[in-house]
Amino acid sequence: MPAIGYVTKNDDGSFKGQLKTLSISAEIAIVSNRSKSADTQPDYRVLSDGVEIGAGWNRRSETSGRDYVSLSLAAPEFGPRRLYANLGQAAGGPEDRFAVIWNPAD
């Protein structure tokens, strides 16, 4: 699966970096959802330039047992469909660097 961005994990548990595709290059922040009041609500909010473009949920891989964040992104630049991605530690990089891995819905 191709990486469509990279983010760095901050000390407060948030992430900051860039989402990059052939037609999009945007700074993003993935911040804790401080108003979460139910398990079905997202653990994170995804922001770009102060605009909410998605959400993220903490997950654990059934095969590897590793934790990751499942992202759902939506913005007019993405077209009429949502963009799904997983946030996991980038291979071969520092421990605080994470890849945004595109997860096609089709």
C-alpha atoms as a PDB file:
ATOM      1  CA  MET A   1       0.000   0.000   0.000  1.00  0.00           C
ATOM      2  CA  PRO A   2       1.374   3.427  -0.888  1.00  0.00           C
ATOM      3  CA  ALA A   3       2.092   6.098   1.701  1.00  0.00           C
ATOM      4  CA  ILE A   4       0.145   9.288   0.999  1.00  0.00           C
ATOM      5  CA  GLY A   5       1.790  11.227   3.781  1.00  0.00           C
ATOM      6  CA  TYR A   6       4.010  11.183   6.827  1.00  0.00           C
ATOM      7  CA  VAL A   7       3.427  12.617  10.280  1.00  0.00           C
ATOM      8  CA  THR A   8       5.458  12.954  13.450  1.00  0.00           C
ATOM      9  CA  LYS A   9       4.023  12.056  16.834  1.00  0.00           C
ATOM     10  CA  ASN A  10       4.209  14.868  19.378  1.00  0.00           C
ATOM     11  CA  ASP A  11       4.749  14.478  23.129  1.00  0.00           C
ATOM     12  CA  ASP A  12       1.043  15.167  23.768  1.00  0.00           C
ATOM     13  CA  GLY A  13      -0.018  12.202  21.555  1.00  0.00           C
ATOM     14  CA  SER A  14      -1.078  14.319  18.574  1.00  0.00           C
ATOM     15  CA  PHE A  15       0.466  14.005  15.116  1.00  0.00           C
ATOM     16  CA  LYS A  16       1.570  16.688  12.664  1.00  0.00           C
ATOM     17  CA  GLY A  17       2.774  16.335   9.102  1.00  0.00           C
ATOM     18  CA  GLN A  18       1.713  16.341   5.489  1.00  0.00           C
ATOM     19  CA  LEU A  19      -0.840  14.574   3.315  1.00  0.00           C
ATOM     20  CA  LYS A  20       0.456  14.345  -0.249  1.00  0.00           C
ATOM     21  CA  THR A  21      -1.084  12.854  -3.400  1.00  0.00           C
ATOM     22  CA  LEU A  22      -0.657  13.701  -7.077  1.00  0.00           C
ATOM     23  CA  SER A  23      -3.104  16.598  -6.766  1.00  0.00           C
ATOM     24  CA  ILE A  24      -3.061  17.438  -3.028  1.00  0.00           C
ATOM     25  CA  SER A  25      -0.341  18.715  -0.730  1.00  0.00           C
ATOM     26  CA  ALA A  26      -1.672  19.784   2.658  1.00  0.00           C
ATOM     27  CA  GLU A  27      -0.388  20.167   6.188  1.00  0.00           C
ATOM     28  CA  ILE A  28      -2.436  18.040   8.579  1.00  0.00           C
ATOM     29  CA  ALA A  29      -2.798  17.657  12.326  1.00  0.00           C
ATOM     30  CA  ILE A  30      -4.286  14.589  13.974  1.00  0.00           C
ATOM     31  CA  VAL A  31      -5.402  15.626  17.450  1.00  0.00           C
ATOM     32  CA  SER A  32      -7.116  13.829  20.329  1.00  0.00           C
ATOM     33  CA  ASN A  33     -10.895  14.091  20.393  1.00  0.00           C
ATOM     34  CA  ARG A  34     -11.248  15.659  23.823  1.00  0.00           C
ATOM     35  CA  SER A  35     -15.048  15.630  23.613  1.00  0.00           C
ATOM     36  CA  LYS A  36     -15.287  11.841  23.081  1.00  0.00           C
ATOM     37  CA  SER A  37     -18.115  10.518  25.241  1.00  0.00           C
ATOM     38  CA  ALA A  38     -18.869   7.110  23.674  1.00  0.00           C
ATOM     39  CA  ASP A  39     -16.828   4.210  22.248  1.00  0.00           C
ATOM     40  CA  THR A  40     -18.325   4.755  18.800  1.00  0.00           C
ATOM     41  CA  GLN A  41     -16.999   8.312  18.577  1.00  0.00           C
ATOM     42  CA  PRO A  42     -13.561   8.869  17.031  1.00  0.00           C
ATOM     43  CA  ASP A  43     -10.402   8.985  19.137  1.00  0.00           C
ATOM     44  CA  TYR A  44      -8.893  11.659  16.878  1.00  0.00           C
ATOM     45  CA  ARG A  45      -9.930  14.591  14.695  1.00  0.00           C
ATOM     46  CA  VAL A  46      -7.991  15.286  11.489  1.00  0.00           C
ATOM     47  CA  LEU A  47      -7.507  18.967  10.686  1.00  0.00           C
ATOM     48  CA  SER A  48      -6.004  20.871   7.768  1.00  0.00           C
ATOM     49  CA  ASP A  49      -5.563  24.610   8.095  1.00  0.00           C
ATOM     50  CA  GLY A  50      -8.068  24.615  10.975  1.00  0.00           C
ATOM     51  CA  VAL A  51     -10.743  22.751   8.977  1.00  0.00           C
ATOM     52  CA  GLU A  52     -11.829  19.284  10.097  1.00  0.00           C
ATOM     53  CA  ILE A  53     -11.347  16.844   7.209  1.00  0.00           C
ATOM     54  CA  GLY A  54     -11.672  13.533   9.010  1.00  0.00           C
ATOM     55  CA  ALA A  55     -11.476  11.350  12.062  1.00  0.00           C
ATOM     56  CA  GLY A  56      -9.411   8.481  13.427  1.00  0.00           C
ATOM     57  CA  TRP A  57     -10.010   5.438  15.624  1.00  0.00           C
ATOM     58  CA  ASN A  58      -7.464   3.456  17.633  1.00  0.00           C
ATOM     59  CA  ARG A  59      -7.291  -0.137  16.402  1.00  0.00           C
ATOM     60  CA  ARG A  60      -5.178  -3.258  16.999  1.00  0.00           C
ATOM     61  CA  SER A  61      -4.141  -5.553  14.149  1.00  0.00           C
ATOM     62  CA  GLU A  62      -5.552  -9.058  14.515  1.00  0.00           C
ATOM     63  CA  THR A  63      -2.563 -10.603  12.764  1.00  0.00           C
ATOM     64  CA  SER A  64       0.385  -8.697  14.237  1.00  0.00           C
ATOM     65  CA  GLY A  65      -1.139  -7.360  17.456  1.00  0.00           C
ATOM     66  CA  ARG A  66       0.304  -3.916  16.691  1.00  0.00           C
ATOM     67  CA  ASP A  67      -1.640  -0.733  17.375  1.00  0.00           C
ATOM     68  CA  TYR A  68      -2.523   1.672  14.573  1.00  0.00           C
ATOM     69  CA  VAL A  69      -5.000   4.463  13.832  1.00  0.00           C
ATOM     70  CA  SER A  70      -7.708   3.946  11.198  1.00  0.00           C
ATOM     71  CA  LEU A  71      -8.445   7.232   9.399  1.00  0.00           C
ATOM     72  CA  SER A  72     -11.485   8.356   7.416  1.00  0.00           C
ATOM     73  CA  LEU A  73     -10.960  11.561   5.416  1.00  0.00           C
ATOM     74  CA  ALA A  74     -13.407  13.641   3.378  1.00  0.00           C
ATOM     75  CA  ALA A  75     -12.954  16.926   1.530  1.00  0.00           C
ATOM     76  CA  PRO A  76     -14.099  18.321  -1.820  1.00  0.00           C
ATOM     77  CA  GLU A  77     -10.563  17.821  -3.175  1.00  0.00           C
ATOM     78  CA  PHE A  78     -10.980  14.052  -2.684  1.00  0.00           C
ATOM     79  CA  GLY A  79     -14.107  13.936  -4.852  1.00  0.00           C
ATOM     80  CA  PRO A  80     -17.437  12.414  -3.807  1.00  0.00           C
ATOM     81  CA  ARG A  81     -15.941   9.490  -1.862  1.00  0.00           C
ATOM     82  CA  ARG A  82     -14.190   9.198   1.457  1.00  0.00           C
ATOM     83  CA  LEU A  83     -10.505   8.438   1.580  1.00  0.00           C
ATOM     84  CA  TYR A  84      -9.542   5.667   4.006  1.00  0.00           C
ATOM     85  CA  ALA A  85      -6.046   5.289   5.416  1.00  0.00           C
ATOM     86  CA  ASN A  86      -4.168   3.684   8.279  1.00  0.00           C
ATOM     87  CA  LEU A  87      -1.612   5.443  10.405  1.00  0.00           C
ATOM     88  CA  GLY A  88       1.242   3.181  11.434  1.00  0.00           C
ATOM     89  CA  GLN A  89       4.876   3.483  12.348  1.00  0.00           C
ATOM     90  CA  ALA A  90       7.005   4.175   9.274  1.00  0.00           C
ATOM     91  CA  ALA A  91       9.381   1.357   8.395  1.00  0.00           C
ATOM     92  CA  GLY A  92      13.042   2.087   8.981  1.00  0.00           C
ATOM     93  CA  GLY A  93      12.397   5.500  10.492  1.00  0.00           C
ATOM     94  CA  PRO A  94      12.533   6.985  13.949  1.00  0.00           C
ATOM     95  CA  GLU A  95       9.917   5.798  16.473  1.00  0.00           C
ATOM     96  CA  ASP A  96       8.005   9.084  16.299  1.00  0.00           C
ATOM     97  CA  ARG A  97       7.549   9.003  12.476  1.00  0.00           C
ATOM     98  CA  PHE A  98       4.341   7.492  11.098  1.00  0.00           C
ATOM     99  CA  ALA A  99       3.127   6.814   7.558  1.00  0.00           C
ATOM    100  CA  VAL A 100      -0.376   7.573   6.317  1.00  0.00           C
ATOM    101  CA  ILE A 101      -1.063   4.442   4.269  1.00  0.00           C
ATOM    102  CA  TRP A 102      -3.863   4.640   1.712  1.00  0.00           C
ATOM    103  CA  ASN A 103      -6.454   1.908   2.204  1.00  0.00           C
ATOM    104  CA  PRO A 104      -8.652   1.754  -0.920  1.00  0.00           C
ATOM    105  CA  ALA A 105     -12.293   0.989  -0.142  1.00  0.00           C
ATOM    106  CA  ASP A 106     -12.725  -0.933  -3.414  1.00  0.00           C
END
